[in-house]
């Protein structure tokens, strides 16, 4: 599935990007 896979808080001010959603 592409898009929102896990929903968190309703407001966003900071995005972190990475290649893979690993534990690290």
PDBML (XML) file of the C-alpha atoms, coordinates in Angstrom:
<?xml version="1.0" encoding="UTF-8" ?>
<PDBx:datablock datablockName="MODEL"
   xmlns:PDBx="http://pdbml.pdb.org/schema/pdbx-v50.xsd"
   xmlns:xsi="http://www.w3.org/2001/XMLSchema-instance"
   xsi:schemaLocation="http://pdbml.pdb.org/schema/pdbx-v50.xsd pdbx-v50.xsd">
   <PDBx:atom_siteCategory>
      <PDBx:atom_site id="1">
         <PDBx:B_iso_or_equiv>0.00</PDBx:B_iso_or_equiv>
         <PDBx:Cartn_x>0.000</PDBx:Cartn_x>
         <PDBx:Cartn_y>0.000</PDBx:Cartn_y>
         <PDBx:Cartn_z>0.000</PDBx:Cartn_z>
         <PDBx:auth_asym_id>A</PDBx:auth_asym_id>
         <PDBx:auth_atom_id>CA</PDBx:auth_atom_id>
         <PDBx:auth_comp_id>UNK</PDBx:auth_comp_id>
         <PDBx:auth_seq_id>1</PDBx:auth_seq_id>
         <PDBx:group_PDB>ATOM</PDBx:group_PDB>
         <PDBx:label_alt_id xsi:nil="true" />
         <PDBx:label_asym_id>A</PDBx:label_asym_id>
         <PDBx:label_atom_id>CA</PDBx:label_atom_id>
         <PDBx:label_comp_id>UNK</PDBx:label_comp_id>
         <PDBx:label_entity_id>1</PDBx:label_entity_id>
         <PDBx:label_seq_id>1</PDBx:label_seq_id>
         <PDBx:occupancy>1.00</PDBx:occupancy>
         <PDBx:pdbx_PDB_model_num>1</PDBx:pdbx_PDB_model_num>
         <PDBx:type_symbol>C</PDBx:type_symbol>
      </PDBx:atom_site>
      <PDBx:atom_site id="2">
         <PDBx:B_iso_or_equiv>0.00</PDBx:B_iso_or_equiv>
         <PDBx:Cartn_x>1.271</PDBx:Cartn_x>
         <PDBx:Cartn_y>3.462</PDBx:Cartn_y>
         <PDBx:Cartn_z>-0.911</PDBx:Cartn_z>
         <PDBx:auth_asym_id>A</PDBx:auth_asym_id>
         <PDBx:auth_atom_id>CA</PDBx:auth_atom_id>
         <PDBx:auth_comp_id>UNK</PDBx:auth_comp_id>
         <PDBx:auth_seq_id>2</PDBx:auth_seq_id>
         <PDBx:group_PDB>ATOM</PDBx:group_PDB>
         <PDBx:label_alt_id xsi:nil="true" />
         <PDBx:label_asym_id>A</PDBx:label_asym_id>
         <PDBx:label_atom_id>CA</PDBx:label_atom_id>
         <PDBx:label_comp_id>UNK</PDBx:label_comp_id>
         <PDBx:label_entity_id>1</PDBx:label_entity_id>
         <PDBx:label_seq_id>2</PDBx:label_seq_id>
         <PDBx:occupancy>1.00</PDBx:occupancy>
         <PDBx:pdbx_PDB_model_num>1</PDBx:pdbx_PDB_model_num>
         <PDBx:type_symbol>C</PDBx:type_symbol>
      </PDBx:atom_site>
      <PDBx:atom_site id="3">
         <PDBx:B_iso_or_equiv>0.00</PDBx:B_iso_or_equiv>
         <PDBx:Cartn_x>0.507</PDBx:Cartn_x>
         <PDBx:Cartn_y>6.474</PDBx:Cartn_y>
         <PDBx:Cartn_z>1.247</PDBx:Cartn_z>
         <PDBx:auth_asym_id>A</PDBx:auth_asym_id>
         <PDBx:auth_atom_id>CA</PDBx:auth_atom_id>
         <PDBx:auth_comp_id>UNK</PDBx:auth_comp_id>
         <PDBx:auth_seq_id>3</PDBx:auth_seq_id>
         <PDBx:group_PDB>ATOM</PDBx:group_PDB>
         <PDBx:label_alt_id xsi:nil="true" />
         <PDBx:label_asym_id>A</PDBx:label_asym_id>
         <PDBx:label_atom_id>CA</PDBx:label_atom_id>
         <PDBx:label_comp_id>UNK</PDBx:label_comp_id>
         <PDBx:label_entity_id>1</PDBx:label_entity_id>
         <PDBx:label_seq_id>3</PDBx:label_seq_id>
         <PDBx:occupancy>1.00</PDBx:occupancy>
         <PDBx:pdbx_PDB_model_num>1</PDBx:pdbx_PDB_model_num>
         <PDBx:type_symbol>C</PDBx:type_symbol>
      </PDBx:atom_site>
      <PDBx:atom_site id="4">
         <PDBx:B_iso_or_equiv>0.00</PDBx:B_iso_or_equiv>
         <PDBx:Cartn_x>-0.375</PDBx:Cartn_x>
         <PDBx:Cartn_y>6.578</PDBx:Cartn_y>
         <PDBx:Cartn_z>4.933</PDBx:Cartn_z>
         <PDBx:auth_asym_id>A</PDBx:auth_asym_id>
         <PDBx:auth_atom_id>CA</PDBx:auth_atom_id>
         <PDBx:auth_comp_id>UNK</PDBx:auth_comp_id>
         <PDBx:auth_seq_id>4</PDBx:auth_seq_id>
         <PDBx:group_PDB>ATOM</PDBx:group_PDB>
         <PDBx:label_alt_id xsi:nil="true" />
         <PDBx:label_asym_id>A</PDBx:label_asym_id>
         <PDBx:label_atom_id>CA</PDBx:label_atom_id>
         <PDBx:label_comp_id>UNK</PDBx:label_comp_id>
         <PDBx:label_entity_id>1</PDBx:label_entity_id>
         <PDBx:label_seq_id>4</PDBx:label_seq_id>
         <PDBx:occupancy>1.00</PDBx:occupancy>
         <PDBx:pdbx_PDB_model_num>1</PDBx:pdbx_PDB_model_num>
         <PDBx:type_symbol>C</PDBx:type_symbol>
      </PDBx:atom_site>
      <PDBx:atom_site id="5">
         <PDBx:B_iso_or_equiv>0.00</PDBx:B_iso_or_equiv>
         <PDBx:Cartn_x>0.529</PDBx:Cartn_x>
         <PDBx:Cartn_y>3.190</PDBx:Cartn_y>
         <PDBx:Cartn_z>6.423</PDBx:Cartn_z>
         <PDBx:auth_asym_id>A</PDBx:auth_asym_id>
         <PDBx:auth_atom_id>CA</PDBx:auth_atom_id>
         <PDBx:auth_comp_id>UNK</PDBx:auth_comp_id>
         <PDBx:auth_seq_id>5</PDBx:auth_seq_id>
         <PDBx:group_PDB>ATOM</PDBx:group_PDB>
         <PDBx:label_alt_id xsi:nil="true" />
         <PDBx:label_asym_id>A</PDBx:label_asym_id>
         <PDBx:label_atom_id>CA</PDBx:label_atom_id>
         <PDBx:label_comp_id>UNK</PDBx:label_comp_id>
         <PDBx:label_entity_id>1</PDBx:label_entity_id>
         <PDBx:label_seq_id>5</PDBx:label_seq_id>
         <PDBx:occupancy>1.00</PDBx:occupancy>
         <PDBx:pdbx_PDB_model_num>1</PDBx:pdbx_PDB_model_num>
         <PDBx:type_symbol>C</PDBx:type_symbol>
      </PDBx:atom_site>
      <PDBx:atom_site id="6">
         <PDBx:B_iso_or_equiv>0.00</PDBx:B_iso_or_equiv>
         <PDBx:Cartn_x>0.472</PDBx:Cartn_x>
         <PDBx:Cartn_y>4.116</PDBx:Cartn_y>
         <PDBx:Cartn_z>10.123</PDBx:Cartn_z>
         <PDBx:auth_asym_id>A</PDBx:auth_asym_id>
         <PDBx:auth_atom_id>CA</PDBx:auth_atom_id>
         <PDBx:auth_comp_id>UNK</PDBx:auth_comp_id>
         <PDBx:auth_seq_id>6</PDBx:auth_seq_id>
         <PDBx:group_PDB>ATOM</PDBx:group_PDB>
         <PDBx:label_alt_id xsi:nil="true" />
         <PDBx:label_asym_id>A</PDBx:label_asym_id>
         <PDBx:label_atom_id>CA</PDBx:label_atom_id>
         <PDBx:label_comp_id>UNK</PDBx:label_comp_id>
         <PDBx:label_entity_id>1</PDBx:label_entity_id>
         <PDBx:label_seq_id>6</PDBx:label_seq_id>
         <PDBx:occupancy>1.00</PDBx:occupancy>
         <PDBx:pdbx_PDB_model_num>1</PDBx:pdbx_PDB_model_num>
         <PDBx:type_symbol>C</PDBx:type_symbol>
      </PDBx:atom_site>
      <PDBx:atom_site id="7">
         <PDBx:B_iso_or_equiv>0.00</PDBx:B_iso_or_equiv>
         <PDBx:Cartn_x>-1.489</PDBx:Cartn_x>
         <PDBx:Cartn_y>7.099</PDBx:Cartn_y>
         <PDBx:Cartn_z>11.454</PDBx:Cartn_z>
         <PDBx:auth_asym_id>A</PDBx:auth_asym_id>
         <PDBx:auth_atom_id>CA</PDBx:auth_atom_id>
         <PDBx:auth_comp_id>UNK</PDBx:auth_comp_id>
         <PDBx:auth_seq_id>7</PDBx:auth_seq_id>
         <PDBx:group_PDB>ATOM</PDBx:group_PDB>
         <PDBx:label_alt_id xsi:nil="true" />
         <PDBx:label_asym_id>A</PDBx:label_asym_id>
         <PDBx:label_atom_id>CA</PDBx:label_atom_id>
         <PDBx:label_comp_id>UNK</PDBx:label_comp_id>
         <PDBx:label_entity_id>1</PDBx:label_entity_id>
         <PDBx:label_seq_id>7</PDBx:label_seq_id>
         <PDBx:occupancy>1.00</PDBx:occupancy>
         <PDBx:pdbx_PDB_model_num>1</PDBx:pdbx_PDB_model_num>
         <PDBx:type_symbol>C</PDBx:type_symbol>
      </PDBx:atom_site>
      <PDBx:atom_site id="8">
         <PDBx:B_iso_or_equiv>0.00</PDBx:B_iso_or_equiv>
         <PDBx:Cartn_x>0.005</PDBx:Cartn_x>
         <PDBx:Cartn_y>9.329</PDBx:Cartn_y>
         <PDBx:Cartn_z>14.126</PDBx:Cartn_z>
         <PDBx:auth_asym_id>A</PDBx:auth_asym_id>
         <PDBx:auth_atom_id>CA</PDBx:auth_atom_id>
         <PDBx:auth_comp_id>UNK</PDBx:auth_comp_id>
         <PDBx:auth_seq_id>8</PDBx:auth_seq_id>
         <PDBx:group_PDB>ATOM</PDBx:group_PDB>
         <PDBx:label_alt_id xsi:nil="true" />
         <PDBx:label_asym_id>A</PDBx:label_asym_id>
         <PDBx:label_atom_id>CA</PDBx:label_atom_id>
         <PDBx:label_comp_id>UNK</PDBx:label_comp_id>
         <PDBx:label_entity_id>1</PDBx:label_entity_id>
         <PDBx:label_seq_id>8</PDBx:label_seq_id>
         <PDBx:occupancy>1.00</PDBx:occupancy>
         <PDBx:pdbx_PDB_model_num>1</PDBx:pdbx_PDB_model_num>
         <PDBx:type_symbol>C</PDBx:type_symbol>
      </PDBx:atom_site>
      <PDBx:atom_site id="9">
         <PDBx:B_iso_or_equiv>0.00</PDBx:B_iso_or_equiv>
         <PDBx:Cartn_x>-0.722</PDBx:Cartn_x>
         <PDBx:Cartn_y>12.806</PDBx:Cartn_y>
         <PDBx:Cartn_z>15.445</PDBx:Cartn_z>
         <PDBx:auth_asym_id>A</PDBx:auth_asym_id>
         <PDBx:auth_atom_id>CA</PDBx:auth_atom_id>
         <PDBx:auth_comp_id>UNK</PDBx:auth_comp_id>
         <PDBx:auth_seq_id>9</PDBx:auth_seq_id>
         <PDBx:group_PDB>ATOM</PDBx:group_PDB>
         <PDBx:label_alt_id xsi:nil="true" />
         <PDBx:label_asym_id>A</PDBx:label_asym_id>
         <PDBx:label_atom_id>CA</PDBx:label_atom_id>
         <PDBx:label_comp_id>UNK</PDBx:label_comp_id>
         <PDBx:label_entity_id>1</PDBx:label_entity_id>
         <PDBx:label_seq_id>9</PDBx:label_seq_id>
         <PDBx:occupancy>1.00</PDBx:occupancy>
         <PDBx:pdbx_PDB_model_num>1</PDBx:pdbx_PDB_model_num>
         <PDBx:type_symbol>C</PDBx:type_symbol>
      </PDBx:atom_site>
      <PDBx:atom_site id="10">
         <PDBx:B_iso_or_equiv>0.00</PDBx:B_iso_or_equiv>
         <PDBx:Cartn_x>-3.096</PDBx:Cartn_x>
         <PDBx:Cartn_y>14.952</PDBx:Cartn_y>
         <PDBx:Cartn_z>13.350</PDBx:Cartn_z>
         <PDBx:auth_asym_id>A</PDBx:auth_asym_id>
         <PDBx:auth_atom_id>CA</PDBx:auth_atom_id>
         <PDBx:auth_comp_id>UNK</PDBx:auth_comp_id>
         <PDBx:auth_seq_id>10</PDBx:auth_seq_id>
         <PDBx:group_PDB>ATOM</PDBx:group_PDB>
         <PDBx:label_alt_id xsi:nil="true" />
         <PDBx:label_asym_id>A</PDBx:label_asym_id>
         <PDBx:label_atom_id>CA</PDBx:label_atom_id>
         <PDBx:label_comp_id>UNK</PDBx:label_comp_id>
         <PDBx:label_entity_id>1</PDBx:label_entity_id>
         <PDBx:label_seq_id>10</PDBx:label_seq_id>
         <PDBx:occupancy>1.00</PDBx:occupancy>
         <PDBx:pdbx_PDB_model_num>1</PDBx:pdbx_PDB_model_num>
         <PDBx:type_symbol>C</PDBx:type_symbol>
      </PDBx:atom_site>
      <PDBx:atom_site id="11">
         <PDBx:B_iso_or_equiv>0.00</PDBx:B_iso_or_equiv>
         <PDBx:Cartn_x>-0.731</PDBx:Cartn_x>
         <PDBx:Cartn_y>17.919</PDBx:Cartn_y>
         <PDBx:Cartn_z>12.909</PDBx:Cartn_z>
         <PDBx:auth_asym_id>A</PDBx:auth_asym_id>
         <PDBx:auth_atom_id>CA</PDBx:auth_atom_id>
         <PDBx:auth_comp_id>UNK</PDBx:auth_comp_id>
         <PDBx:auth_seq_id>11</PDBx:auth_seq_id>
         <PDBx:group_PDB>ATOM</PDBx:group_PDB>
         <PDBx:label_alt_id xsi:nil="true" />
         <PDBx:label_asym_id>A</PDBx:label_asym_id>
         <PDBx:label_atom_id>CA</PDBx:label_atom_id>
         <PDBx:label_comp_id>UNK</PDBx:label_comp_id>
         <PDBx:label_entity_id>1</PDBx:label_entity_id>
         <PDBx:label_seq_id>11</PDBx:label_seq_id>
         <PDBx:occupancy>1.00</PDBx:occupancy>
         <PDBx:pdbx_PDB_model_num>1</PDBx:pdbx_PDB_model_num>
         <PDBx:type_symbol>C</PDBx:type_symbol>
      </PDBx:atom_site>
      <PDBx:atom_site id="12">
         <PDBx:B_iso_or_equiv>0.00</PDBx:B_iso_or_equiv>
         <PDBx:Cartn_x>2.636</PDBx:Cartn_x>
         <PDBx:Cartn_y>17.877</PDBx:Cartn_y>
         <PDBx:Cartn_z>11.135</PDBx:Cartn_z>
         <PDBx:auth_asym_id>A</PDBx:auth_asym_id>
         <PDBx:auth_atom_id>CA</PDBx:auth_atom_id>
         <PDBx:auth_comp_id>UNK</PDBx:auth_comp_id>
         <PDBx:auth_seq_id>12</PDBx:auth_seq_id>
         <PDBx:group_PDB>ATOM</PDBx:group_PDB>
         <PDBx:label_alt_id xsi:nil="true" />
         <PDBx:label_asym_id>A</PDBx:label_asym_id>
         <PDBx:label_atom_id>CA</PDBx:label_atom_id>
         <PDBx:label_comp_id>UNK</PDBx:label_comp_id>
         <PDBx:label_entity_id>1</PDBx:label_entity_id>
         <PDBx:label_seq_id>12</PDBx:label_seq_id>
         <PDBx:occupancy>1.00</PDBx:occupancy>
         <PDBx:pdbx_PDB_model_num>1</PDBx:pdbx_PDB_model_num>
         <PDBx:type_symbol>C</PDBx:type_symbol>
      </PDBx:atom_site>
      <PDBx:atom_site id="13">
         <PDBx:B_iso_or_equiv>0.00</PDBx:B_iso_or_equiv>
         <PDBx:Cartn_x>5.523</PDBx:Cartn_x>
         <PDBx:Cartn_y>20.315</PDBx:Cartn_y>
         <PDBx:Cartn_z>11.405</PDBx:Cartn_z>
         <PDBx:auth_asym_id>A</PDBx:auth_asym_id>
         <PDBx:auth_atom_id>CA</PDBx:auth_atom_id>
         <PDBx:auth_comp_id>UNK</PDBx:auth_comp_id>
         <PDBx:auth_seq_id>13</PDBx:auth_seq_id>
         <PDBx:group_PDB>ATOM</PDBx:group_PDB>
         <PDBx:label_alt_id xsi:nil="true" />
         <PDBx:label_asym_id>A</PDBx:label_asym_id>
         <PDBx:label_atom_id>CA</PDBx:label_atom_id>
         <PDBx:label_comp_id>UNK</PDBx:label_comp_id>
         <PDBx:label_entity_id>1</PDBx:label_entity_id>
         <PDBx:label_seq_id>13</PDBx:label_seq_id>
         <PDBx:occupancy>1.00</PDBx:occupancy>
         <PDBx:pdbx_PDB_model_num>1</PDBx:pdbx_PDB_model_num>
         <PDBx:type_symbol>C</PDBx:type_symbol>
      </PDBx:atom_site>
      <PDBx:atom_site id="14">
         <PDBx:B_iso_or_equiv>0.00</PDBx:B_iso_or_equiv>
         <PDBx:Cartn_x>8.588</PDBx:Cartn_x>
         <PDBx:Cartn_y>18.073</PDBx:Cartn_y>
         <PDBx:Cartn_z>11.035</PDBx:Cartn_z>
         <PDBx:auth_asym_id>A</PDBx:auth_asym_id>
         <PDBx:auth_atom_id>CA</PDBx:auth_atom_id>
         <PDBx:auth_comp_id>UNK</PDBx:auth_comp_id>
         <PDBx:auth_seq_id>14</PDBx:auth_seq_id>
         <PDBx:group_PDB>ATOM</PDBx:group_PDB>
         <PDBx:label_alt_id xsi:nil="true" />
         <PDBx:label_asym_id>A</PDBx:label_asym_id>
         <PDBx:label_atom_id>CA</PDBx:label_atom_id>
         <PDBx:label_comp_id>UNK</PDBx:label_comp_id>
         <PDBx:label_entity_id>1</PDBx:label_entity_id>
         <PDBx:label_seq_id>14</PDBx:label_seq_id>
         <PDBx:occupancy>1.00</PDBx:occupancy>
         <PDBx:pdbx_PDB_model_num>1</PDBx:pdbx_PDB_model_num>
         <PDBx:type_symbol>C</PDBx:type_symbol>
      </PDBx:atom_site>
      <PDBx:atom_site id="15">
         <PDBx:B_iso_or_equiv>0.00</PDBx:B_iso_or_equiv>
         <PDBx:Cartn_x>9.215</PDBx:Cartn_x>
         <PDBx:Cartn_y>15.323</PDBx:Cartn_y>
         <PDBx:Cartn_z>8.467</PDBx:Cartn_z>
         <PDBx:auth_asym_id>A</PDBx:auth_asym_id>
         <PDBx:auth_atom_id>CA</PDBx:auth_atom_id>
         <PDBx:auth_comp_id>UNK</PDBx:auth_comp_id>
         <PDBx:auth_seq_id>15</PDBx:auth_seq_id>
         <PDBx:group_PDB>ATOM</PDBx:group_PDB>
         <PDBx:label_alt_id xsi:nil="true" />
         <PDBx:label_asym_id>A</PDBx:label_asym_id>
         <PDBx:label_atom_id>CA</PDBx:label_atom_id>
         <PDBx:label_comp_id>UNK</PDBx:label_comp_id>
         <PDBx:label_entity_id>1</PDBx:label_entity_id>
         <PDBx:label_seq_id>15</PDBx:label_seq_id>
         <PDBx:occupancy>1.00</PDBx:occupancy>
         <PDBx:pdbx_PDB_model_num>1</PDBx:pdbx_PDB_model_num>
         <PDBx:type_symbol>C</PDBx:type_symbol>
      </PDBx:atom_site>
      <PDBx:atom_site id="16">
         <PDBx:B_iso_or_equiv>0.00</PDBx:B_iso_or_equiv>
         <PDBx:Cartn_x>12.001</PDBx:Cartn_x>
         <PDBx:Cartn_y>12.769</PDBx:Cartn_y>
         <PDBx:Cartn_z>8.637</PDBx:Cartn_z>
         <PDBx:auth_asym_id>A</PDBx:auth_asym_id>
         <PDBx:auth_atom_id>CA</PDBx:auth_atom_id>
         <PDBx:auth_comp_id>UNK</PDBx:auth_comp_id>
         <PDBx:auth_seq_id>16</PDBx:auth_seq_id>
         <PDBx:group_PDB>ATOM</PDBx:group_PDB>
         <PDBx:label_alt_id xsi:nil="true" />
         <PDBx:label_asym_id>A</PDBx:label_asym_id>
         <PDBx:label_atom_id>CA</PDBx:label_atom_id>
         <PDBx:label_comp_id>UNK</PDBx:label_comp_id>
         <PDBx:label_entity_id>1</PDBx:label_entity_id>
         <PDBx:label_seq_id>16</PDBx:label_seq_id>
         <PDBx:occupancy>1.00</PDBx:occupancy>
         <PDBx:pdbx_PDB_model_num>1</PDBx:pdbx_PDB_model_num>
         <PDBx:type_symbol>C</PDBx:type_symbol>
      </PDBx:atom_site>
      <PDBx:atom_site id="17">
         <PDBx:B_iso_or_equiv>0.00</PDBx:B_iso_or_equiv>
         <PDBx:Cartn_x>12.821</PDBx:Cartn_x>
         <PDBx:Cartn_y>10.913</PDBx:Cartn_y>
         <PDBx:Cartn_z>5.412</PDBx:Cartn_z>
         <PDBx:auth_asym_id>A</PDBx:auth_asym_id>
         <PDBx:auth_atom_id>CA</PDBx:auth_atom_id>
         <PDBx:auth_comp_id>UNK</PDBx:auth_comp_id>
         <PDBx:auth_seq_id>17</PDBx:auth_seq_id>
         <PDBx:group_PDB>ATOM</PDBx:group_PDB>
         <PDBx:label_alt_id xsi:nil="true" />
         <PDBx:label_asym_id>A</PDBx:label_asym_id>
         <PDBx:label_atom_id>CA</PDBx:label_atom_id>
         <PDBx:label_comp_id>UNK</PDBx:label_comp_id>
         <PDBx:label_entity_id>1</PDBx:label_entity_id>
         <PDBx:label_seq_id>17</PDBx:label_seq_id>
         <PDBx:occupancy>1.00</PDBx:occupancy>
         <PDBx:pdbx_PDB_model_num>1</PDBx:pdbx_PDB_model_num>
         <PDBx:type_symbol>C</PDBx:type_symbol>
      </PDBx:atom_site>
      <PDBx:atom_site id="18">
         <PDBx:B_iso_or_equiv>0.00</PDBx:B_iso_or_equiv>
         <PDBx:Cartn_x>14.818</PDBx:Cartn_x>
         <PDBx:Cartn_y>7.735</PDBx:Cartn_y>
         <PDBx:Cartn_z>4.886</PDBx:Cartn_z>
         <PDBx:auth_asym_id>A</PDBx:auth_asym_id>
         <PDBx:auth_atom_id>CA</PDBx:auth_atom_id>
         <PDBx:auth_comp_id>UNK</PDBx:auth_comp_id>
         <PDBx:auth_seq_id>18</PDBx:auth_seq_id>
         <PDBx:group_PDB>ATOM</PDBx:group_PDB>
         <PDBx:label_alt_id xsi:nil="true" />
         <PDBx:label_asym_id>A</PDBx:label_asym_id>
         <PDBx:label_atom_id>CA</PDBx:label_atom_id>
         <PDBx:label_comp_id>UNK</PDBx:label_comp_id>
         <PDBx:label_entity_id>1</PDBx:label_entity_id>
         <PDBx:label_seq_id>18</PDBx:label_seq_id>
         <PDBx:occupancy>1.00</PDBx:occupancy>
         <PDBx:pdbx_PDB_model_num>1</PDBx:pdbx_PDB_model_num>
         <PDBx:type_symbol>C</PDBx:type_symbol>
      </PDBx:atom_site>
      <PDBx:atom_site id="19">
         <PDBx:B_iso_or_equiv>0.00</PDBx:B_iso_or_equiv>
         <PDBx:Cartn_x>15.087</PDBx:Cartn_x>
         <PDBx:Cartn_y>4.868</PDBx:Cartn_y>
         <PDBx:Cartn_z>2.440</PDBx:Cartn_z>
         <PDBx:auth_asym_id>A</PDBx:auth_asym_id>
         <PDBx:auth_atom_id>CA</PDBx:auth_atom_id>
         <PDBx:auth_comp_id>UNK</PDBx:auth_comp_id>
         <PDBx:auth_seq_id>19</PDBx:auth_seq_id>
         <PDBx:group_PDB>ATOM</PDBx:group_PDB>
         <PDBx:label_alt_id xsi:nil="true" />
         <PDBx:label_asym_id>A</PDBx:label_asym_id>
         <PDBx:label_atom_id>CA</PDBx:label_atom_id>
         <PDBx:label_comp_id>UNK</PDBx:label_comp_id>
         <PDBx:label_entity_id>1</PDBx:label_entity_id>
         <PDBx:label_seq_id>19</PDBx:label_seq_id>
         <PDBx:occupancy>1.00</PDBx:occupancy>
         <PDBx:pdbx_PDB_model_num>1</PDBx:pdbx_PDB_model_num>
         <PDBx:type_symbol>C</PDBx:type_symbol>
      </PDBx:atom_site>
      <PDBx:atom_site id="20">
         <PDBx:B_iso_or_equiv>0.00</PDBx:B_iso_or_equiv>
         <PDBx:Cartn_x>13.614</PDBx:Cartn_x>
         <PDBx:Cartn_y>2.121</PDBx:Cartn_y>
         <PDBx:Cartn_z>4.630</PDBx:Cartn_z>
         <PDBx:auth_asym_id>A</PDBx:auth_asym_id>
         <PDBx:auth_atom_id>CA</PDBx:auth_atom_id>
         <PDBx:auth_comp_id>UNK</PDBx:auth_comp_id>
         <PDBx:auth_seq_id>20</PDBx:auth_seq_id>
         <PDBx:group_PDB>ATOM</PDBx:group_PDB>
         <PDBx:label_alt_id xsi:nil="true" />
         <PDBx:label_asym_id>A</PDBx:label_asym_id>
         <PDBx:label_atom_id>CA</PDBx:label_atom_id>
         <PDBx:label_comp_id>UNK</PDBx:label_comp_id>
         <PDBx:label_entity_id>1</PDBx:label_entity_id>
         <PDBx:label_seq_id>20</PDBx:label_seq_id>
         <PDBx:occupancy>1.00</PDBx:occupancy>
         <PDBx:pdbx_PDB_model_num>1</PDBx:pdbx_PDB_model_num>
         <PDBx:type_symbol>C</PDBx:type_symbol>
      </PDBx:atom_site>
      <PDBx:atom_site id="21">
         <PDBx:B_iso_or_equiv>0.00</PDBx:B_iso_or_equiv>
         <PDBx:Cartn_x>11.422</PDBx:Cartn_x>
         <PDBx:Cartn_y>2.201</PDBx:Cartn_y>
         <PDBx:Cartn_z>7.743</PDBx:Cartn_z>
         <PDBx:auth_asym_id>A</PDBx:auth_asym_id>
         <PDBx:auth_atom_id>CA</PDBx:auth_atom_id>
         <PDBx:auth_comp_id>UNK</PDBx:auth_comp_id>
         <PDBx:auth_seq_id>21</PDBx:auth_seq_id>
         <PDBx:group_PDB>ATOM</PDBx:group_PDB>
         <PDBx:label_alt_id xsi:nil="true" />
         <PDBx:label_asym_id>A</PDBx:label_asym_id>
         <PDBx:label_atom_id>CA</PDBx:label_atom_id>
         <PDBx:label_comp_id>UNK</PDBx:label_comp_id>
         <PDBx:label_entity_id>1</PDBx:label_entity_id>
         <PDBx:label_seq_id>21</PDBx:label_seq_id>
         <PDBx:occupancy>1.00</PDBx:occupancy>
         <PDBx:pdbx_PDB_model_num>1</PDBx:pdbx_PDB_model_num>
         <PDBx:type_symbol>C</PDBx:type_symbol>
      </PDBx:atom_site>
      <PDBx:atom_site id="22">
         <PDBx:B_iso_or_equiv>0.00</PDBx:B_iso_or_equiv>
         <PDBx:Cartn_x>13.925</PDBx:Cartn_x>
         <PDBx:Cartn_y>0.138</PDBx:Cartn_y>
         <PDBx:Cartn_z>9.718</PDBx:Cartn_z>
         <PDBx:auth_asym_id>A</PDBx:auth_asym_id>
         <PDBx:auth_atom_id>CA</PDBx:auth_atom_id>
         <PDBx:auth_comp_id>UNK</PDBx:auth_comp_id>
         <PDBx:auth_seq_id>22</PDBx:auth_seq_id>
         <PDBx:group_PDB>ATOM</PDBx:group_PDB>
         <PDBx:label_alt_id xsi:nil="true" />
         <PDBx:label_asym_id>A</PDBx:label_asym_id>
         <PDBx:label_atom_id>CA</PDBx:label_atom_id>
         <PDBx:label_comp_id>UNK</PDBx:label_comp_id>
         <PDBx:label_entity_id>1</PDBx:label_entity_id>
         <PDBx:label_seq_id>22</PDBx:label_seq_id>
         <PDBx:occupancy>1.00</PDBx:occupancy>
         <PDBx:pdbx_PDB_model_num>1</PDBx:pdbx_PDB_model_num>
         <PDBx:type_symbol>C</PDBx:type_symbol>
      </PDBx:atom_site>
      <PDBx:atom_site id="23">
         <PDBx:B_iso_or_equiv>0.00</PDBx:B_iso_or_equiv>
         <PDBx:Cartn_x>14.109</PDBx:Cartn_x>
         <PDBx:Cartn_y>0.192</PDBx:Cartn_y>
         <PDBx:Cartn_z>13.498</PDBx:Cartn_z>
         <PDBx:auth_asym_id>A</PDBx:auth_asym_id>
         <PDBx:auth_atom_id>CA</PDBx:auth_atom_id>
         <PDBx:auth_comp_id>UNK</PDBx:auth_comp_id>
         <PDBx:auth_seq_id>23</PDBx:auth_seq_id>
         <PDBx:group_PDB>ATOM</PDBx:group_PDB>
         <PDBx:label_alt_id xsi:nil="true" />
         <PDBx:label_asym_id>A</PDBx:label_asym_id>
         <PDBx:label_atom_id>CA</PDBx:label_atom_id>
         <PDBx:label_comp_id>UNK</PDBx:label_comp_id>
         <PDBx:label_entity_id>1</PDBx:label_entity_id>
         <PDBx:label_seq_id>23</PDBx:label_seq_id>
         <PDBx:occupancy>1.00</PDBx:occupancy>
         <PDBx:pdbx_PDB_model_num>1</PDBx:pdbx_PDB_model_num>
         <PDBx:type_symbol>C</PDBx:type_symbol>
      </PDBx:atom_site>
      <PDBx:atom_site id="24">
         <PDBx:B_iso_or_equiv>0.00</PDBx:B_iso_or_equiv>
         <PDBx:Cartn_x>17.259</PDBx:Cartn_x>
         <PDBx:Cartn_y>2.303</PDBx:Cartn_y>
         <PDBx:Cartn_z>13.227</PDBx:Cartn_z>
         <PDBx:auth_asym_id>A</PDBx:auth_asym_id>
         <PDBx:auth_atom_id>CA</PDBx:auth_atom_id>
         <PDBx:auth_comp_id>UNK</PDBx:auth_comp_id>
         <PDBx:auth_seq_id>24</PDBx:auth_seq_id>
         <PDBx:group_PDB>ATOM</PDBx:group_PDB>
         <PDBx:label_alt_id xsi:nil="true" />
         <PDBx:label_asym_id>A</PDBx:label_asym_id>
         <PDBx:label_atom_id>CA</PDBx:label_atom_id>
         <PDBx:label_comp_id>UNK</PDBx:label_comp_id>
         <PDBx:label_entity_id>1</PDBx:label_entity_id>
         <PDBx:label_seq_id>24</PDBx:label_seq_id>
         <PDBx:occupancy>1.00</PDBx:occupancy>
         <PDBx:pdbx_PDB_model_num>1</PDBx:pdbx_PDB_model_num>
         <PDBx:type_symbol>C</PDBx:type_symbol>
      </PDBx:atom_site>
   </PDBx:atom_siteCategory>
</PDBx:datablock>
